[in-house]
Every structure is written in C-alpha cells, then in structure tokens.
N, C-alpha and C. Protein backbone atom coordinates (compact mmCIF):
# COMPACT_ATOMS: atom_id res chain seq x y z
N MET A 1 -43.42 21.58 -11.37
CA MET A 1 -43.10 20.18 -11.49
C MET A 1 -42.79 19.78 -12.94
N LYS A 2 -43.68 20.23 -13.87
CA LYS A 2 -43.47 19.87 -15.28
C LYS A 2 -42.20 20.56 -15.77
N LYS A 3 -41.94 21.76 -15.34
CA LYS A 3 -40.77 22.46 -15.82
C LYS A 3 -39.50 21.80 -15.31
N GLY A 4 -39.52 21.26 -14.07
CA GLY A 4 -38.40 20.53 -13.50
C GLY A 4 -38.11 19.24 -14.30
N LEU A 5 -39.16 18.52 -14.63
CA LEU A 5 -39.00 17.31 -15.45
C LEU A 5 -38.46 17.64 -16.84
N LEU A 6 -38.93 18.72 -17.40
CA LEU A 6 -38.46 19.10 -18.71
C LEU A 6 -36.97 19.46 -18.70
N ILE A 7 -36.60 20.17 -17.71
CA ILE A 7 -35.15 20.58 -17.59
C ILE A 7 -34.30 19.32 -17.31
N SER A 8 -34.78 18.42 -16.46
CA SER A 8 -34.01 17.19 -16.24
C SER A 8 -33.89 16.36 -17.47
N ALA A 9 -34.95 16.23 -18.27
CA ALA A 9 -34.91 15.37 -19.46
C ALA A 9 -33.92 16.07 -20.44
N LEU A 10 -33.97 17.37 -20.56
CA LEU A 10 -33.06 18.06 -21.47
C LEU A 10 -31.64 17.88 -21.11
N LEU A 11 -31.27 17.91 -19.78
CA LEU A 11 -29.94 17.70 -19.33
C LEU A 11 -29.41 16.30 -19.63
N VAL A 12 -30.32 15.34 -19.46
CA VAL A 12 -29.95 13.91 -19.79
C VAL A 12 -29.62 13.79 -21.30
N ILE A 13 -30.46 14.39 -22.13
CA ILE A 13 -30.25 14.30 -23.60
C ILE A 13 -28.96 15.01 -23.99
N LEU A 14 -28.70 16.17 -23.45
CA LEU A 14 -27.49 16.89 -23.75
C LEU A 14 -26.25 16.16 -23.25
N SER A 15 -26.29 15.64 -22.05
CA SER A 15 -25.11 14.92 -21.55
C SER A 15 -24.82 13.63 -22.34
N THR A 16 -25.86 13.01 -22.82
CA THR A 16 -25.67 11.81 -23.68
C THR A 16 -25.02 12.17 -24.93
N GLY A 17 -25.42 13.28 -25.51
CA GLY A 17 -24.85 13.74 -26.84
C GLY A 17 -23.38 14.11 -26.62
N PHE A 18 -23.03 14.79 -25.56
CA PHE A 18 -21.68 15.20 -25.36
C PHE A 18 -20.75 14.00 -25.01
N SER A 19 -21.32 12.98 -24.41
CA SER A 19 -20.47 11.86 -24.11
C SER A 19 -20.06 11.03 -25.30
N MET A 20 -20.76 11.20 -26.34
CA MET A 20 -20.44 10.44 -27.61
C MET A 20 -19.24 11.03 -28.34
N ALA A 21 -18.94 12.28 -28.17
CA ALA A 21 -17.84 12.94 -28.80
C ALA A 21 -16.94 13.58 -27.76
N GLN A 22 -15.64 13.44 -27.96
CA GLN A 22 -14.67 14.03 -26.99
C GLN A 22 -13.86 15.03 -27.82
N LYS A 23 -13.83 16.27 -27.31
CA LYS A 23 -12.97 17.27 -27.87
C LYS A 23 -11.53 16.97 -27.61
N LEU A 24 -10.67 17.22 -28.55
CA LEU A 24 -9.29 16.87 -28.43
C LEU A 24 -8.41 18.10 -28.83
N SER A 25 -7.23 18.16 -28.28
CA SER A 25 -6.24 19.13 -28.75
C SER A 25 -5.58 18.52 -29.99
N ALA A 26 -5.08 19.31 -30.88
CA ALA A 26 -4.39 18.81 -32.04
C ALA A 26 -3.18 17.88 -31.71
N LYS A 27 -2.59 18.07 -30.62
CA LYS A 27 -1.46 17.25 -30.20
C LYS A 27 -1.95 15.85 -29.78
N ALA A 28 -3.15 15.70 -29.39
CA ALA A 28 -3.74 14.41 -29.00
C ALA A 28 -4.13 13.57 -30.22
N VAL A 29 -4.18 14.13 -31.37
CA VAL A 29 -4.51 13.45 -32.63
C VAL A 29 -3.23 12.88 -33.22
N PRO A 30 -3.24 11.59 -33.62
CA PRO A 30 -2.04 11.02 -34.25
C PRO A 30 -1.54 11.81 -35.41
N LEU A 31 -0.23 11.86 -35.56
CA LEU A 31 0.36 12.63 -36.67
C LEU A 31 -0.12 12.18 -38.02
N ALA A 32 -0.30 10.93 -38.18
CA ALA A 32 -0.78 10.35 -39.52
C ALA A 32 -2.17 10.87 -39.82
N VAL A 33 -3.00 11.02 -38.84
CA VAL A 33 -4.39 11.52 -39.07
C VAL A 33 -4.32 13.00 -39.42
N ARG A 34 -3.52 13.77 -38.71
CA ARG A 34 -3.40 15.21 -39.02
C ARG A 34 -2.78 15.41 -40.39
N SER A 35 -1.83 14.58 -40.74
CA SER A 35 -1.14 14.69 -42.06
C SER A 35 -2.15 14.33 -43.17
N GLU A 36 -2.97 13.40 -42.96
CA GLU A 36 -3.98 13.04 -44.02
C GLU A 36 -5.00 14.22 -44.20
N LEU A 37 -5.35 14.88 -43.12
CA LEU A 37 -6.19 16.07 -43.22
C LEU A 37 -5.51 17.15 -44.07
N MET A 38 -4.30 17.45 -43.70
CA MET A 38 -3.56 18.54 -44.39
C MET A 38 -3.27 18.21 -45.86
N ARG A 39 -3.04 16.92 -46.13
CA ARG A 39 -2.82 16.50 -47.50
C ARG A 39 -4.07 16.76 -48.36
N ARG A 40 -5.24 16.42 -47.85
CA ARG A 40 -6.46 16.64 -48.55
C ARG A 40 -6.96 18.07 -48.53
N TYR A 41 -6.84 18.71 -47.41
CA TYR A 41 -7.41 20.08 -47.18
C TYR A 41 -6.32 20.95 -46.58
N PRO A 42 -5.44 21.51 -47.37
CA PRO A 42 -4.35 22.35 -46.87
C PRO A 42 -4.80 23.62 -46.11
N ASN A 43 -6.06 24.00 -46.31
CA ASN A 43 -6.60 25.23 -45.64
C ASN A 43 -7.18 24.88 -44.28
N ALA A 44 -6.97 23.65 -43.78
CA ALA A 44 -7.54 23.22 -42.48
C ALA A 44 -6.57 23.31 -41.39
N ALA A 45 -5.60 24.19 -41.44
CA ALA A 45 -4.56 24.29 -40.41
C ALA A 45 -5.13 24.58 -39.01
N LYS A 46 -6.22 25.27 -38.98
CA LYS A 46 -6.80 25.67 -37.62
C LYS A 46 -8.00 24.78 -37.31
N ALA A 47 -8.00 23.53 -37.69
CA ALA A 47 -9.08 22.68 -37.43
C ALA A 47 -9.24 22.38 -35.89
N THR A 48 -10.48 22.18 -35.50
CA THR A 48 -10.74 21.67 -34.13
C THR A 48 -11.03 20.19 -34.25
N TRP A 49 -10.62 19.42 -33.25
CA TRP A 49 -10.67 18.01 -33.35
C TRP A 49 -11.63 17.39 -32.20
N GLU A 50 -12.20 16.31 -32.58
CA GLU A 50 -12.90 15.51 -31.57
C GLU A 50 -12.84 14.09 -32.00
N LYS A 51 -13.04 13.21 -30.96
CA LYS A 51 -13.04 11.82 -31.29
C LYS A 51 -14.51 11.36 -31.25
N ARG A 52 -14.91 10.71 -32.31
CA ARG A 52 -16.32 10.33 -32.42
C ARG A 52 -16.42 8.90 -32.89
N LYS A 53 -16.92 8.05 -31.98
CA LYS A 53 -17.10 6.58 -32.30
C LYS A 53 -15.81 6.01 -32.78
N GLY A 54 -14.70 6.30 -32.13
CA GLY A 54 -13.42 5.75 -32.46
C GLY A 54 -12.68 6.40 -33.56
N ASN A 55 -13.23 7.28 -34.35
CA ASN A 55 -12.65 7.99 -35.40
C ASN A 55 -12.34 9.40 -35.02
N TYR A 56 -11.58 10.11 -35.81
CA TYR A 56 -11.21 11.51 -35.60
C TYR A 56 -11.97 12.45 -36.50
N ARG A 57 -12.59 13.47 -35.94
CA ARG A 57 -13.39 14.42 -36.74
C ARG A 57 -12.72 15.79 -36.60
N ALA A 58 -12.39 16.33 -37.80
CA ALA A 58 -11.83 17.69 -37.83
C ALA A 58 -12.86 18.66 -38.37
N SER A 59 -13.05 19.78 -37.72
CA SER A 59 -13.96 20.82 -38.24
C SER A 59 -13.17 22.04 -38.51
N PHE A 60 -13.48 22.67 -39.69
CA PHE A 60 -12.72 23.87 -40.10
C PHE A 60 -13.50 24.65 -41.10
N GLY A 61 -13.01 25.89 -41.37
CA GLY A 61 -13.56 26.73 -42.36
C GLY A 61 -14.72 27.58 -41.95
N GLY A 62 -15.00 28.68 -42.67
CA GLY A 62 -16.12 29.53 -42.41
C GLY A 62 -15.85 30.44 -41.21
N LYS A 63 -16.81 31.27 -40.96
CA LYS A 63 -16.63 32.23 -39.82
C LYS A 63 -16.61 31.52 -38.45
N ALA A 64 -17.44 30.48 -38.35
CA ALA A 64 -17.48 29.74 -36.99
C ALA A 64 -16.36 28.65 -36.93
N GLY A 65 -15.71 28.40 -38.05
CA GLY A 65 -14.76 27.32 -38.06
C GLY A 65 -15.32 25.94 -38.16
N LYS A 66 -16.56 25.81 -38.53
CA LYS A 66 -17.23 24.54 -38.59
C LYS A 66 -18.00 24.29 -39.90
N ASP A 67 -17.63 25.04 -40.98
CA ASP A 67 -18.35 24.84 -42.24
C ASP A 67 -18.06 23.51 -42.95
N ASN A 68 -16.92 22.91 -42.58
CA ASN A 68 -16.56 21.67 -43.14
C ASN A 68 -16.16 20.71 -41.99
N SER A 69 -16.50 19.43 -42.20
CA SER A 69 -16.04 18.47 -41.24
C SER A 69 -15.54 17.25 -42.01
N VAL A 70 -14.42 16.66 -41.50
CA VAL A 70 -13.85 15.52 -42.17
C VAL A 70 -13.66 14.42 -41.12
N LEU A 71 -14.08 13.17 -41.50
CA LEU A 71 -13.93 12.04 -40.55
C LEU A 71 -12.80 11.16 -41.10
N ILE A 72 -11.85 10.87 -40.22
CA ILE A 72 -10.62 10.08 -40.57
C ILE A 72 -10.50 8.97 -39.54
N SER A 73 -10.18 7.77 -39.94
CA SER A 73 -9.97 6.64 -39.06
C SER A 73 -8.67 6.78 -38.32
N PRO A 74 -8.46 6.04 -37.26
CA PRO A 74 -7.24 6.03 -36.52
C PRO A 74 -6.03 5.57 -37.45
N ALA A 75 -6.33 4.79 -38.46
CA ALA A 75 -5.34 4.31 -39.35
C ALA A 75 -5.07 5.32 -40.49
N SER A 76 -5.64 6.50 -40.37
CA SER A 76 -5.50 7.69 -41.27
C SER A 76 -6.20 7.46 -42.63
N ALA A 77 -7.25 6.66 -42.63
CA ALA A 77 -8.04 6.45 -43.83
C ALA A 77 -9.14 7.51 -43.84
N PHE A 78 -9.35 8.18 -44.98
CA PHE A 78 -10.43 9.14 -45.18
C PHE A 78 -11.76 8.37 -45.14
N ILE A 79 -12.76 8.81 -44.35
CA ILE A 79 -14.10 8.20 -44.28
C ILE A 79 -15.09 8.98 -45.00
N GLU A 80 -15.19 10.29 -44.59
CA GLU A 80 -16.19 11.18 -45.26
C GLU A 80 -15.89 12.67 -44.98
N MET A 81 -16.50 13.48 -45.84
CA MET A 81 -16.40 14.91 -45.69
C MET A 81 -17.80 15.46 -45.67
N GLY A 82 -18.13 16.35 -44.81
CA GLY A 82 -19.52 16.87 -44.73
C GLY A 82 -19.57 18.40 -44.60
N ASN A 83 -20.72 18.90 -45.01
CA ASN A 83 -21.05 20.32 -44.86
C ASN A 83 -22.42 20.47 -44.32
N PRO A 84 -22.65 21.40 -43.37
CA PRO A 84 -24.03 21.59 -42.86
C PRO A 84 -24.99 22.00 -43.92
N VAL A 85 -26.21 21.60 -43.78
CA VAL A 85 -27.31 21.95 -44.69
C VAL A 85 -28.51 22.37 -43.84
N GLU A 86 -29.10 23.48 -44.21
CA GLU A 86 -30.29 23.93 -43.52
C GLU A 86 -31.35 22.89 -43.77
N VAL A 87 -32.11 22.52 -42.67
CA VAL A 87 -33.13 21.51 -42.76
C VAL A 87 -34.15 21.86 -43.86
N LYS A 88 -34.47 23.11 -44.04
CA LYS A 88 -35.49 23.49 -45.05
C LYS A 88 -35.01 23.20 -46.47
N PHE A 89 -33.74 22.95 -46.74
CA PHE A 89 -33.21 22.64 -48.02
C PHE A 89 -33.06 21.16 -48.29
N LEU A 90 -33.49 20.31 -47.38
CA LEU A 90 -33.45 18.86 -47.55
C LEU A 90 -34.63 18.46 -48.49
N PRO A 91 -34.49 17.36 -49.27
CA PRO A 91 -35.66 16.94 -50.01
C PRO A 91 -36.85 16.67 -49.08
N GLN A 92 -38.07 16.97 -49.56
CA GLN A 92 -39.24 16.79 -48.74
C GLN A 92 -39.41 15.40 -48.25
N ALA A 93 -38.99 14.42 -49.04
CA ALA A 93 -39.04 13.01 -48.59
C ALA A 93 -38.32 12.73 -47.35
N VAL A 94 -37.24 13.48 -47.03
CA VAL A 94 -36.45 13.22 -45.84
C VAL A 94 -37.31 13.62 -44.63
N SER A 95 -37.83 14.85 -44.61
CA SER A 95 -38.64 15.35 -43.48
C SER A 95 -39.85 14.48 -43.26
N SER A 96 -40.49 14.08 -44.34
CA SER A 96 -41.64 13.22 -44.28
C SER A 96 -41.34 11.89 -43.62
N TYR A 97 -40.26 11.28 -44.03
CA TYR A 97 -39.78 9.98 -43.52
C TYR A 97 -39.55 10.06 -41.97
N VAL A 98 -38.82 11.13 -41.61
CA VAL A 98 -38.51 11.26 -40.20
C VAL A 98 -39.76 11.50 -39.35
N LYS A 99 -40.72 12.30 -39.82
CA LYS A 99 -41.95 12.53 -39.10
C LYS A 99 -42.76 11.19 -38.93
N VAL A 100 -42.89 10.48 -40.03
CA VAL A 100 -43.74 9.21 -40.01
C VAL A 100 -43.07 8.11 -39.17
N HIS A 101 -41.72 7.94 -39.33
CA HIS A 101 -41.12 6.74 -38.71
C HIS A 101 -40.54 7.03 -37.30
N TYR A 102 -40.18 8.30 -36.99
CA TYR A 102 -39.59 8.63 -35.75
C TYR A 102 -40.41 9.61 -34.86
N HIS A 103 -41.52 10.16 -35.48
CA HIS A 103 -42.38 11.03 -34.74
C HIS A 103 -41.63 12.23 -34.11
N THR A 104 -40.71 12.77 -34.83
CA THR A 104 -39.92 13.92 -34.30
C THR A 104 -39.54 14.78 -35.51
N THR A 105 -38.80 15.86 -35.18
CA THR A 105 -38.31 16.73 -36.23
C THR A 105 -36.80 16.51 -36.33
N ILE A 106 -36.20 17.06 -37.38
CA ILE A 106 -34.79 16.97 -37.62
C ILE A 106 -34.12 18.07 -36.84
N ILE A 107 -33.06 17.71 -36.08
CA ILE A 107 -32.29 18.72 -35.29
C ILE A 107 -31.29 19.41 -36.23
N SER A 108 -30.54 18.66 -37.03
CA SER A 108 -29.58 19.24 -37.91
C SER A 108 -29.30 18.22 -39.09
N ALA A 109 -28.63 18.77 -40.09
CA ALA A 109 -28.35 17.90 -41.27
C ALA A 109 -27.05 18.29 -41.92
N ASP A 110 -26.39 17.37 -42.54
CA ASP A 110 -25.17 17.52 -43.29
C ASP A 110 -25.31 16.80 -44.64
N LYS A 111 -24.67 17.39 -45.62
CA LYS A 111 -24.52 16.73 -46.93
C LYS A 111 -23.09 16.17 -46.85
N ILE A 112 -22.98 14.83 -47.03
CA ILE A 112 -21.68 14.26 -46.91
C ILE A 112 -21.27 13.51 -48.22
N ALA A 113 -19.98 13.45 -48.40
CA ALA A 113 -19.42 12.63 -49.48
C ALA A 113 -18.54 11.62 -48.89
N ASP A 114 -18.76 10.31 -49.20
CA ASP A 114 -17.91 9.28 -48.65
C ASP A 114 -16.64 9.15 -49.38
N ALA A 115 -15.84 8.10 -49.07
CA ALA A 115 -14.52 8.02 -49.70
C ALA A 115 -14.62 7.76 -51.21
N THR A 116 -15.72 7.21 -51.67
CA THR A 116 -15.87 6.94 -53.08
C THR A 116 -16.46 8.17 -53.85
N GLY A 117 -16.85 9.20 -53.07
CA GLY A 117 -17.42 10.40 -53.72
C GLY A 117 -18.93 10.40 -53.79
N LYS A 118 -19.56 9.33 -53.30
CA LYS A 118 -21.01 9.26 -53.33
C LYS A 118 -21.61 10.23 -52.24
N LEU A 119 -22.62 10.95 -52.68
CA LEU A 119 -23.29 11.96 -51.79
C LEU A 119 -24.46 11.41 -51.04
N PHE A 120 -24.60 11.90 -49.78
CA PHE A 120 -25.64 11.44 -48.90
C PHE A 120 -26.16 12.63 -48.04
N TYR A 121 -27.28 12.51 -47.41
CA TYR A 121 -27.70 13.41 -46.35
C TYR A 121 -27.68 12.61 -45.06
N VAL A 122 -27.09 13.26 -44.02
CA VAL A 122 -27.16 12.65 -42.69
C VAL A 122 -27.93 13.63 -41.82
N THR A 123 -29.03 13.15 -41.21
CA THR A 123 -29.87 13.97 -40.34
C THR A 123 -29.69 13.51 -38.93
N ARG A 124 -29.67 14.40 -38.02
CA ARG A 124 -29.61 14.12 -36.60
C ARG A 124 -30.98 14.38 -35.99
N ILE A 125 -31.48 13.33 -35.26
CA ILE A 125 -32.78 13.47 -34.57
C ILE A 125 -32.62 13.21 -33.11
N ALA A 126 -33.71 13.39 -32.34
CA ALA A 126 -33.67 13.11 -30.92
C ALA A 126 -33.17 11.68 -30.66
N GLY A 127 -32.53 11.52 -29.49
CA GLY A 127 -32.01 10.21 -29.12
C GLY A 127 -30.62 9.96 -29.66
N ASP A 128 -29.98 11.03 -30.18
CA ASP A 128 -28.63 10.96 -30.73
C ASP A 128 -28.52 9.98 -31.89
N LYS A 129 -29.60 9.94 -32.65
CA LYS A 129 -29.66 9.05 -33.86
C LYS A 129 -29.26 9.88 -35.10
N GLU A 130 -28.53 9.20 -36.00
CA GLU A 130 -28.21 9.71 -37.29
C GLU A 130 -28.90 8.92 -38.32
N VAL A 131 -29.75 9.50 -39.16
CA VAL A 131 -30.49 8.79 -40.20
C VAL A 131 -29.91 9.22 -41.58
N LEU A 132 -29.56 8.20 -42.37
CA LEU A 132 -28.85 8.51 -43.64
C LEU A 132 -29.87 8.34 -44.80
N PHE A 133 -29.80 9.27 -45.76
CA PHE A 133 -30.67 9.32 -46.91
C PHE A 133 -29.84 9.53 -48.17
N ASP A 134 -30.28 9.08 -49.32
CA ASP A 134 -29.61 9.41 -50.56
C ASP A 134 -29.98 10.86 -50.99
N THR A 135 -29.47 11.30 -52.07
CA THR A 135 -29.69 12.69 -52.52
C THR A 135 -31.15 12.92 -52.95
N ASN A 136 -31.90 11.84 -53.25
CA ASN A 136 -33.27 11.91 -53.63
C ASN A 136 -34.20 11.88 -52.43
N GLY A 137 -33.63 11.66 -51.24
CA GLY A 137 -34.46 11.58 -50.05
C GLY A 137 -34.94 10.20 -49.64
N ARG A 138 -34.33 9.20 -50.29
CA ARG A 138 -34.72 7.79 -49.98
C ARG A 138 -33.90 7.33 -48.72
N PHE A 139 -34.55 6.72 -47.75
CA PHE A 139 -33.97 6.16 -46.51
C PHE A 139 -32.94 5.13 -46.95
N ILE A 140 -31.74 5.21 -46.25
CA ILE A 140 -30.70 4.19 -46.43
C ILE A 140 -30.51 3.37 -45.15
N LYS A 141 -30.19 4.07 -44.06
CA LYS A 141 -29.98 3.37 -42.77
C LYS A 141 -29.89 4.27 -41.63
N VAL A 142 -29.93 3.77 -40.42
CA VAL A 142 -29.64 4.47 -39.22
C VAL A 142 -28.28 4.14 -38.78
N ARG A 143 -27.51 5.18 -38.38
CA ARG A 143 -26.14 4.86 -37.86
C ARG A 143 -25.88 5.52 -36.60
C-alpha cells in the first residue's frame, strides 16, 4: 500500500515537472531566437531546445550536451546563461536556508549569469520550485 502511494506521488511530481517544459525541434524555434544563440555562442550548433515558461531554452556543450543552457525570450532577447553546479559546491548558507524554510533538500543547482552579467545560484527543490540566491548564499526570491 505504502509503496503504491509512493509510486503514485512520484509519478505526479514527475509529470508536473515535464509539463512545465516542452521539448522542441530546432525548426520549431523562431529564426531570430536561434540566430541570437549562434551570435553569442557559435559552438552551440547542436543545441537541444525546449520552451520553458514562454521562453526558449537551449542546452549545449559537454559530453551530455547539457553543460550550458541559455534562456532567450521570444523577442530574441538574452535572459540568462547557466551551468550546472554540484550541490556540494554551493555556499553552506544555501543548503541551510532550503532546509530551514522548505524542509527539503536541493535536487539540482545552476550558476547563472543574467543579461547584465550578475551571477546567481538557482536551486531546484521539490514542488518544481526554483529558489534564487546570490553568490554569497543570501536568499533573493522564489521563481
């Protein structure tokens, strides 16, 4: 019984996460968006695309093809660039904040640079929440 409930809960969480992002073929991405990616990152020719909260996300680089991700608006404006970070390399304040305020652990994290070049950490936690921190580990916001 408990095992069945656990599997059901896990499937609901996974299906919610997948519904937030849609995988796209490169042809389904507007030319202006693809051009902006290539202008900034010429080595991203084999990027994989997904639509996330109305914006386009390109993943490219590394052995798995996901070492870099770039978020670009439909109007082809650069939003942010991110790289995965192992949770153990986050500032201690980040893990502590998540444990105290959300009573959970961090699923994954990225170090991102926004359009102005400012650096942040984005952590993903249960419930498909993204919690944003500065490079010192101070909480900024949930997005």
